[in-house]
Each structure stands twice: as C-alpha cells, then as structure tokens.
Amino acid sequence: MAQDWEQAAQALVEAFASTEPTPGGGSAAGVVAAIGCSLGRMASGISMRSKKADETAKAVLGEAHAAFQRMGERFLQLTREDARAFDSVMEAYRLPKEDPSRGGKIQERLFSAAAVPLQTAEAAVQALLSAREMRPRTLGSVSSDMDCAAHLLEAAARCALTNVGINLSLMKDDGRAKALRERAEAVRRGLGA
C-alpha cells in the first residue's frame, strides 16, 4: 500500500511540473481540496470508531465521513473539468487569427475556464466549514489531521480564486464576468479575506 501511494504522489508532482498547459493551478486546487477531504474523512472515520464517542457523536461523525467522501469525489471531477476547460481555451487561441469565430470562441471558453475553478472555490469553502465543524468532535490523536484538512481546503479555495481572477481579467463581456466576480467575492467573504 505505501509503495502505491508514493508512486501515485510522484506521478502527480511530475504531472504538475510538466511544461504542458494542464494540469495547472485550477487542477491543483481540485487535487488539494480532494486531499483535504481525504484527511477529513480519515479523521472523522477514526473518531467515529472510537470507544470514547457516544452514539450521537458517532452519527454526526458518520455523516461527516460520508460527506467528505462525496465532496472529495466532486473535487476530482472538478479537477478533470478544469483541465478540459483550460485545454479548450488553449485550443481556441490556436485558431487562425483570421478566423471570424476565434474571438467569440476564446471568450466563451474563458468563461468556462473561470466558472470551473469558481465551483472548486465554492465547494472548498463548504468543505472547509465541515472540517472546522468536525474539529472539536475528532479524537485528539487525529485532530491535527482535521486541522490539516481545513488548511488544505482553505488553500484550495484561494488557489482556485486566483485562477478565476486571471481568466476573468481576459474576458471582454463585463456582464458575464460580473456575475462570476460577485460569486468569487462571496467566496472571499466566506474565507474571511
């Protein structure tokens, strides 16, 4: 088992070190959020099985455990969507400059490239709130893991917002960009930033 995750970790860091456009920051945000959820899942699962936990605590921790699993799966899906969205932007930029549809395609794809990391940021804030809520319920021996889950989820949200910002800055349709900016601002408020 140890060798498997070590090899997977090595492959992951090599993929992010690549000079290819993807995976990039948006995908990194999704992966980091998924890892944060995995830590939350581990800490809630261990705490749930503890003899020290009463039935109410076990039920709450069980719900959190299942929620962290669902959220982690969603983050992996968003990671894939982010890479596809940015690859699509790059594809549009490669169209001939004489192509009359080029500008419209770039703008449409930039919208998607901003919307996907925004979904990641929004979901990361929700997962962060869950990690913070579960922190006092976790066993002392795994409380640091729940803290790490929260730190990773916050970092994922901030990273995703950075990617939202860069893609919004390239958009020409201020109306569409404004709606995404407002949602991004709500995420920043949720982070206390």
C-alpha atoms as a PDB file:
ATOM      1  CA  MET A   1       0.000   0.000   0.000  1.00  0.00           C
ATOM      2  CA  ALA A   2       2.729   2.514   0.938  1.00  0.00           C
ATOM      3  CA  GLN A   3       4.504   1.986  -2.341  1.00  0.00           C
ATOM      4  CA  ASP A   4       1.276   2.558  -4.292  1.00  0.00           C
ATOM      5  CA  TRP A   5       0.540   5.973  -2.798  1.00  0.00           C
ATOM      6  CA  GLU A   6       4.178   7.002  -3.031  1.00  0.00           C
ATOM      7  CA  GLN A   7       4.245   6.161  -6.738  1.00  0.00           C
ATOM      8  CA  ALA A   8       0.944   7.978  -7.250  1.00  0.00           C
ATOM      9  CA  ALA A   9       2.298  11.029  -5.412  1.00  0.00           C
ATOM     10  CA  GLN A  10       5.435  11.006  -7.561  1.00  0.00           C
ATOM     11  CA  ALA A  11       3.379  10.770 -10.756  1.00  0.00           C
ATOM     12  CA  LEU A  12       1.164  13.608  -9.562  1.00  0.00           C
ATOM     13  CA  VAL A  13       4.001  16.010  -8.782  1.00  0.00           C
ATOM     14  CA  GLU A  14       5.655  15.169 -12.096  1.00  0.00           C
ATOM     15  CA  ALA A  15       2.406  15.911 -13.944  1.00  0.00           C
ATOM     16  CA  PHE A  16       2.209  19.346 -12.290  1.00  0.00           C
ATOM     17  CA  ALA A  17       5.878  20.012 -13.056  1.00  0.00           C
ATOM     18  CA  SER A  18       5.286  19.414 -16.754  1.00  0.00           C
ATOM     19  CA  THR A  19       5.560  22.369 -19.120  1.00  0.00           C
ATOM     20  CA  GLU A  20       2.208  21.388 -20.662  1.00  0.00           C
ATOM     21  CA  PRO A  21      -0.628  23.867 -20.001  1.00  0.00           C
ATOM     22  CA  THR A  22      -2.502  21.297 -17.931  1.00  0.00           C
ATOM     23  CA  PRO A  23      -2.661  20.313 -15.214  1.00  0.00           C
ATOM     24  CA  GLY A  24      -2.207  23.777 -13.786  1.00  0.00           C
ATOM     25  CA  GLY A  25      -3.343  25.840 -10.829  1.00  0.00           C
ATOM     26  CA  GLY A  26      -7.044  25.103 -11.178  1.00  0.00           C
ATOM     27  CA  SER A  27      -6.405  21.376 -11.264  1.00  0.00           C
ATOM     28  CA  ALA A  28      -4.004  21.727  -8.340  1.00  0.00           C
ATOM     29  CA  ALA A  29      -6.768  23.413  -6.347  1.00  0.00           C
ATOM     30  CA  GLY A  30      -9.069  20.462  -7.030  1.00  0.00           C
ATOM     31  CA  VAL A  31      -6.453  17.881  -6.065  1.00  0.00           C
ATOM     32  CA  VAL A  32      -5.527  19.751  -2.889  1.00  0.00           C
ATOM     33  CA  ALA A  33      -9.208  20.005  -1.940  1.00  0.00           C
ATOM     34  CA  ALA A  34      -9.660  16.277  -2.583  1.00  0.00           C
ATOM     35  CA  ILE A  35      -6.685  15.537  -0.322  1.00  0.00           C
ATOM     36  CA  GLY A  36      -8.164  17.828   2.328  1.00  0.00           C
ATOM     37  CA  CYS A  37     -11.421  15.867   2.130  1.00  0.00           C
ATOM     38  CA  SER A  38      -9.489  12.613   2.387  1.00  0.00           C
ATOM     39  CA  LEU A  39      -7.860  13.799   5.601  1.00  0.00           C
ATOM     40  CA  GLY A  40     -11.248  14.911   6.928  1.00  0.00           C
ATOM     41  CA  ARG A  41     -12.655  11.534   6.022  1.00  0.00           C
ATOM     42  CA  MET A  42      -9.796   9.720   7.744  1.00  0.00           C
ATOM     43  CA  ALA A  43     -10.040  11.807  10.932  1.00  0.00           C
ATOM     44  CA  SER A  44     -13.821  11.502  11.143  1.00  0.00           C
ATOM     45  CA  GLY A  45     -13.660   7.760  10.396  1.00  0.00           C
ATOM     46  CA  ILE A  46     -11.120   7.067  13.134  1.00  0.00           C
ATOM     47  CA  SER A  47     -13.014   9.273  15.589  1.00  0.00           C
ATOM     48  CA  MET A  48     -16.312   7.598  14.708  1.00  0.00           C
ATOM     49  CA  ARG A  49     -14.892   4.170  15.607  1.00  0.00           C
ATOM     50  CA  SER A  50     -13.549   5.341  18.950  1.00  0.00           C
ATOM     51  CA  LYS A  51     -14.946   3.835  22.129  1.00  0.00           C
ATOM     52  CA  LYS A  52     -14.891   7.375  23.538  1.00  0.00           C
ATOM     53  CA  ALA A  53     -17.527   8.598  21.059  1.00  0.00           C
ATOM     54  CA  ASP A  54     -21.154   8.383  22.165  1.00  0.00           C
ATOM     55  CA  GLU A  55     -23.894   7.378  19.734  1.00  0.00           C
ATOM     56  CA  THR A  56     -24.762  10.981  18.832  1.00  0.00           C
ATOM     57  CA  ALA A  57     -21.127  11.809  18.086  1.00  0.00           C
ATOM     58  CA  LYS A  58     -20.761   8.619  16.055  1.00  0.00           C
ATOM     59  CA  ALA A  59     -23.794   9.556  13.950  1.00  0.00           C
ATOM     60  CA  VAL A  60     -22.500  13.087  13.311  1.00  0.00           C
ATOM     61  CA  LEU A  61     -19.027  11.826  12.504  1.00  0.00           C
ATOM     62  CA  GLY A  62     -20.513   9.166  10.209  1.00  0.00           C
ATOM     63  CA  GLU A  63     -22.420  11.830   8.290  1.00  0.00           C
ATOM     64  CA  ALA A  64     -19.253  13.915   8.018  1.00  0.00           C
ATOM     65  CA  HIS A  65     -17.273  10.881   6.852  1.00  0.00           C
ATOM     66  CA  ALA A  66     -19.768  10.244   4.043  1.00  0.00           C
ATOM     67  CA  ALA A  67     -19.919  13.953   3.146  1.00  0.00           C
ATOM     68  CA  PHE A  68     -16.131  14.210   2.915  1.00  0.00           C
ATOM     69  CA  GLN A  69     -16.155  11.232   0.554  1.00  0.00           C
ATOM     70  CA  ARG A  70     -18.813  12.810  -1.697  1.00  0.00           C
ATOM     71  CA  MET A  71     -17.017  16.169  -1.668  1.00  0.00           C
ATOM     72  CA  GLY A  72     -13.673  14.528  -2.446  1.00  0.00           C
ATOM     73  CA  GLU A  73     -15.194  12.786  -5.459  1.00  0.00           C
ATOM     74  CA  ARG A  74     -16.662  16.097  -6.609  1.00  0.00           C
ATOM     75  CA  PHE A  75     -13.242  17.763  -6.350  1.00  0.00           C
ATOM     76  CA  LEU A  76     -11.689  15.075  -8.532  1.00  0.00           C
ATOM     77  CA  GLN A  77     -14.432  15.663 -11.088  1.00  0.00           C
ATOM     78  CA  LEU A  78     -13.769  19.426 -10.959  1.00  0.00           C
ATOM     79  CA  THR A  79     -10.046  18.743 -11.408  1.00  0.00           C
ATOM     80  CA  ARG A  80     -10.768  16.960 -14.684  1.00  0.00           C
ATOM     81  CA  GLU A  81     -13.247  19.647 -15.775  1.00  0.00           C
ATOM     82  CA  ASP A  82     -10.716  22.378 -15.054  1.00  0.00           C
ATOM     83  CA  ALA A  83      -8.067  20.747 -17.225  1.00  0.00           C
ATOM     84  CA  ARG A  84     -10.569  20.262 -20.048  1.00  0.00           C
ATOM     85  CA  ALA A  85     -11.774  23.870 -19.780  1.00  0.00           C
ATOM     86  CA  PHE A  86      -8.269  25.293 -19.961  1.00  0.00           C
ATOM     87  CA  ASP A  87      -7.245  22.936 -22.779  1.00  0.00           C
ATOM     88  CA  SER A  88     -10.275  24.265 -24.642  1.00  0.00           C
ATOM     89  CA  VAL A  89      -9.098  27.856 -24.109  1.00  0.00           C
ATOM     90  CA  MET A  90      -5.682  26.985 -25.498  1.00  0.00           C
ATOM     91  CA  GLU A  91      -7.323  25.285 -28.480  1.00  0.00           C
ATOM     92  CA  ALA A  92      -9.293  28.467 -29.225  1.00  0.00           C
ATOM     93  CA  TYR A  93      -6.140  30.608 -29.026  1.00  0.00           C
ATOM     94  CA  ARG A  94      -4.529  28.325 -31.624  1.00  0.00           C
ATOM     95  CA  LEU A  95      -7.263  29.092 -34.171  1.00  0.00           C
ATOM     96  CA  PRO A  96      -6.048  31.285 -37.028  1.00  0.00           C
ATOM     97  CA  LYS A  97      -6.347  34.962 -36.190  1.00  0.00           C
ATOM     98  CA  GLU A  98      -8.250  35.445 -39.435  1.00  0.00           C
ATOM     99  CA  ASP A  99     -10.983  33.051 -38.256  1.00  0.00           C
ATOM    100  CA  PRO A 100     -14.019  35.276 -37.519  1.00  0.00           C
ATOM    101  CA  SER A 101     -15.211  32.861 -34.815  1.00  0.00           C
ATOM    102  CA  ARG A 102     -11.905  32.928 -32.916  1.00  0.00           C
ATOM    103  CA  GLY A 103     -12.687  35.844 -30.578  1.00  0.00           C
ATOM    104  CA  GLY A 104     -16.103  34.513 -29.639  1.00  0.00           C
ATOM    105  CA  LYS A 105     -14.746  31.032 -29.004  1.00  0.00           C
ATOM    106  CA  ILE A 106     -11.957  32.392 -26.813  1.00  0.00           C
ATOM    107  CA  GLN A 107     -14.411  34.440 -24.759  1.00  0.00           C
ATOM    108  CA  GLU A 108     -16.855  31.561 -24.339  1.00  0.00           C
ATOM    109  CA  ARG A 109     -14.090  29.222 -23.260  1.00  0.00           C
ATOM    110  CA  LEU A 110     -12.594  31.779 -20.876  1.00  0.00           C
ATOM    111  CA  PHE A 111     -15.991  31.933 -19.197  1.00  0.00           C
ATOM    112  CA  SER A 112     -15.876  28.160 -18.645  1.00  0.00           C
ATOM    113  CA  ALA A 113     -12.243  28.369 -17.541  1.00  0.00           C
ATOM    114  CA  ALA A 114     -13.325  30.869 -14.858  1.00  0.00           C
ATOM    115  CA  ALA A 115     -16.556  29.104 -13.900  1.00  0.00           C
ATOM    116  CA  VAL A 116     -14.984  25.721 -13.127  1.00  0.00           C
ATOM    117  CA  PRO A 117     -12.396  26.930 -10.588  1.00  0.00           C
ATOM    118  CA  LEU A 118     -15.111  29.117  -9.089  1.00  0.00           C
ATOM    119  CA  GLN A 119     -17.114  25.949  -8.445  1.00  0.00           C
ATOM    120  CA  THR A 120     -13.995  24.458  -6.869  1.00  0.00           C
ATOM    121  CA  ALA A 121     -13.572  27.510  -4.619  1.00  0.00           C
ATOM    122  CA  GLU A 122     -17.232  27.476  -3.577  1.00  0.00           C
ATOM    123  CA  ALA A 123     -17.144  23.763  -2.793  1.00  0.00           C
ATOM    124  CA  ALA A 124     -13.833  24.144  -0.932  1.00  0.00           C
ATOM    125  CA  VAL A 125     -15.374  26.734   1.381  1.00  0.00           C
ATOM    126  CA  GLN A 126     -18.259  24.360   2.126  1.00  0.00           C
ATOM    127  CA  ALA A 127     -15.827  21.524   2.850  1.00  0.00           C
ATOM    128  CA  LEU A 128     -13.716  23.887   4.975  1.00  0.00           C
ATOM    129  CA  LEU A 129     -16.750  24.724   7.089  1.00  0.00           C
ATOM    130  CA  SER A 130     -17.377  20.996   7.579  1.00  0.00           C
ATOM    131  CA  ALA A 131     -13.781  20.417   8.650  1.00  0.00           C
ATOM    132  CA  ARG A 132     -13.955  23.280  11.129  1.00  0.00           C
ATOM    133  CA  GLU A 133     -17.269  21.997  12.472  1.00  0.00           C
ATOM    134  CA  MET A 134     -15.868  18.482  12.927  1.00  0.00           C
ATOM    135  CA  ARG A 135     -12.598  19.587  14.538  1.00  0.00           C
ATOM    136  CA  PRO A 136     -13.914  19.619  18.134  1.00  0.00           C
ATOM    137  CA  ARG A 137     -15.518  16.198  17.610  1.00  0.00           C
ATOM    138  CA  THR A 138     -12.371  14.423  16.437  1.00  0.00           C
ATOM    139  CA  LEU A 139     -10.086  12.448  18.709  1.00  0.00           C
ATOM    140  CA  GLY A 140      -7.027  14.285  19.938  1.00  0.00           C
ATOM    141  CA  SER A 141      -4.775  11.834  18.095  1.00  0.00           C
ATOM    142  CA  VAL A 142      -6.254  12.874  14.734  1.00  0.00           C
ATOM    143  CA  SER A 143      -7.233  16.465  15.479  1.00  0.00           C
ATOM    144  CA  SER A 144      -4.119  17.690  13.683  1.00  0.00           C
ATOM    145  CA  ASP A 145      -5.266  15.784  10.595  1.00  0.00           C
ATOM    146  CA  MET A 146      -8.605  17.620  10.679  1.00  0.00           C
ATOM    147  CA  ASP A 147      -6.678  20.891  11.105  1.00  0.00           C
ATOM    148  CA  CYS A 148      -4.564  19.973   8.068  1.00  0.00           C
ATOM    149  CA  ALA A 149      -7.753  19.187   6.133  1.00  0.00           C
ATOM    150  CA  ALA A 150      -9.015  22.690   6.921  1.00  0.00           C
ATOM    151  CA  HIS A 151      -5.719  24.310   5.926  1.00  0.00           C
ATOM    152  CA  LEU A 152      -5.660  22.429   2.613  1.00  0.00           C
ATOM    153  CA  LEU A 153      -9.268  23.301   1.856  1.00  0.00           C
ATOM    154  CA  GLU A 154      -8.617  26.971   2.524  1.00  0.00           C
ATOM    155  CA  ALA A 155      -5.522  26.877   0.306  1.00  0.00           C
ATOM    156  CA  ALA A 156      -7.535  25.136  -2.421  1.00  0.00           C
ATOM    157  CA  ALA A 157     -10.204  27.837  -2.316  1.00  0.00           C
ATOM    158  CA  ARG A 158      -7.609  30.618  -2.526  1.00  0.00           C
ATOM    159  CA  CYS A 159      -5.757  28.876  -5.364  1.00  0.00           C
ATOM    160  CA  ALA A 160      -8.979  28.367  -7.288  1.00  0.00           C
ATOM    161  CA  LEU A 161      -9.904  32.041  -6.818  1.00  0.00           C
ATOM    162  CA  THR A 162      -6.554  33.048  -8.288  1.00  0.00           C
ATOM    163  CA  ASN A 163      -7.402  31.077 -11.421  1.00  0.00           C
ATOM    164  CA  VAL A 164     -10.872  32.598 -11.556  1.00  0.00           C
ATOM    165  CA  GLY A 165      -9.291  36.051 -11.426  1.00  0.00           C
ATOM    166  CA  ILE A 166      -6.831  35.535 -14.247  1.00  0.00           C
ATOM    167  CA  ASN A 167      -9.492  34.145 -16.573  1.00  0.00           C
ATOM    168  CA  LEU A 168     -11.951  36.909 -15.704  1.00  0.00           C
ATOM    169  CA  SER A 169      -9.293  39.510 -16.440  1.00  0.00           C
ATOM    170  CA  LEU A 170      -9.157  38.262 -20.031  1.00  0.00           C
ATOM    171  CA  MET A 171     -12.916  38.334 -20.576  1.00  0.00           C
ATOM    172  CA  LYS A 172     -14.421  41.173 -22.580  1.00  0.00           C
ATOM    173  CA  ASP A 173     -18.087  40.592 -21.679  1.00  0.00           C
ATOM    174  CA  ASP A 174     -18.329  42.519 -18.447  1.00  0.00           C
ATOM    175  CA  GLY A 175     -21.875  41.333 -17.761  1.00  0.00           C
ATOM    176  CA  ARG A 176     -20.953  37.668 -17.686  1.00  0.00           C
ATOM    177  CA  ALA A 177     -17.723  38.391 -15.863  1.00  0.00           C
ATOM    178  CA  LYS A 178     -19.555  40.492 -13.264  1.00  0.00           C
ATOM    179  CA  ALA A 179     -21.738  37.575 -12.176  1.00  0.00           C
ATOM    180  CA  LEU A 180     -18.667  35.400 -11.665  1.00  0.00           C
ATOM    181  CA  ARG A 181     -16.849  38.209  -9.842  1.00  0.00           C
ATOM    182  CA  GLU A 182     -19.766  38.551  -7.427  1.00  0.00           C
ATOM    183  CA  ARG A 183     -19.690  34.835  -6.680  1.00  0.00           C
ATOM    184  CA  ALA A 184     -15.909  34.977  -6.225  1.00  0.00           C
ATOM    185  CA  GLU A 185     -16.320  37.858  -3.788  1.00  0.00           C
ATOM    186  CA  ALA A 186     -18.811  35.781  -1.777  1.00  0.00           C
ATOM    187  CA  VAL A 187     -16.186  33.026  -1.559  1.00  0.00           C
ATOM    188  CA  ARG A 188     -13.581  35.549  -0.356  1.00  0.00           C
ATOM    189  CA  ARG A 189     -16.006  36.710   2.332  1.00  0.00           C
ATOM    190  CA  GLY A 190     -16.533  33.080   3.316  1.00  0.00           C
ATOM    191  CA  LEU A 191     -12.791  32.751   3.763  1.00  0.00           C
ATOM    192  CA  GLY A 192     -12.647  35.929   5.798  1.00  0.00           C
ATOM    193  CA  ALA A 193     -10.362  37.510   3.211  1.00  0.00           C
END
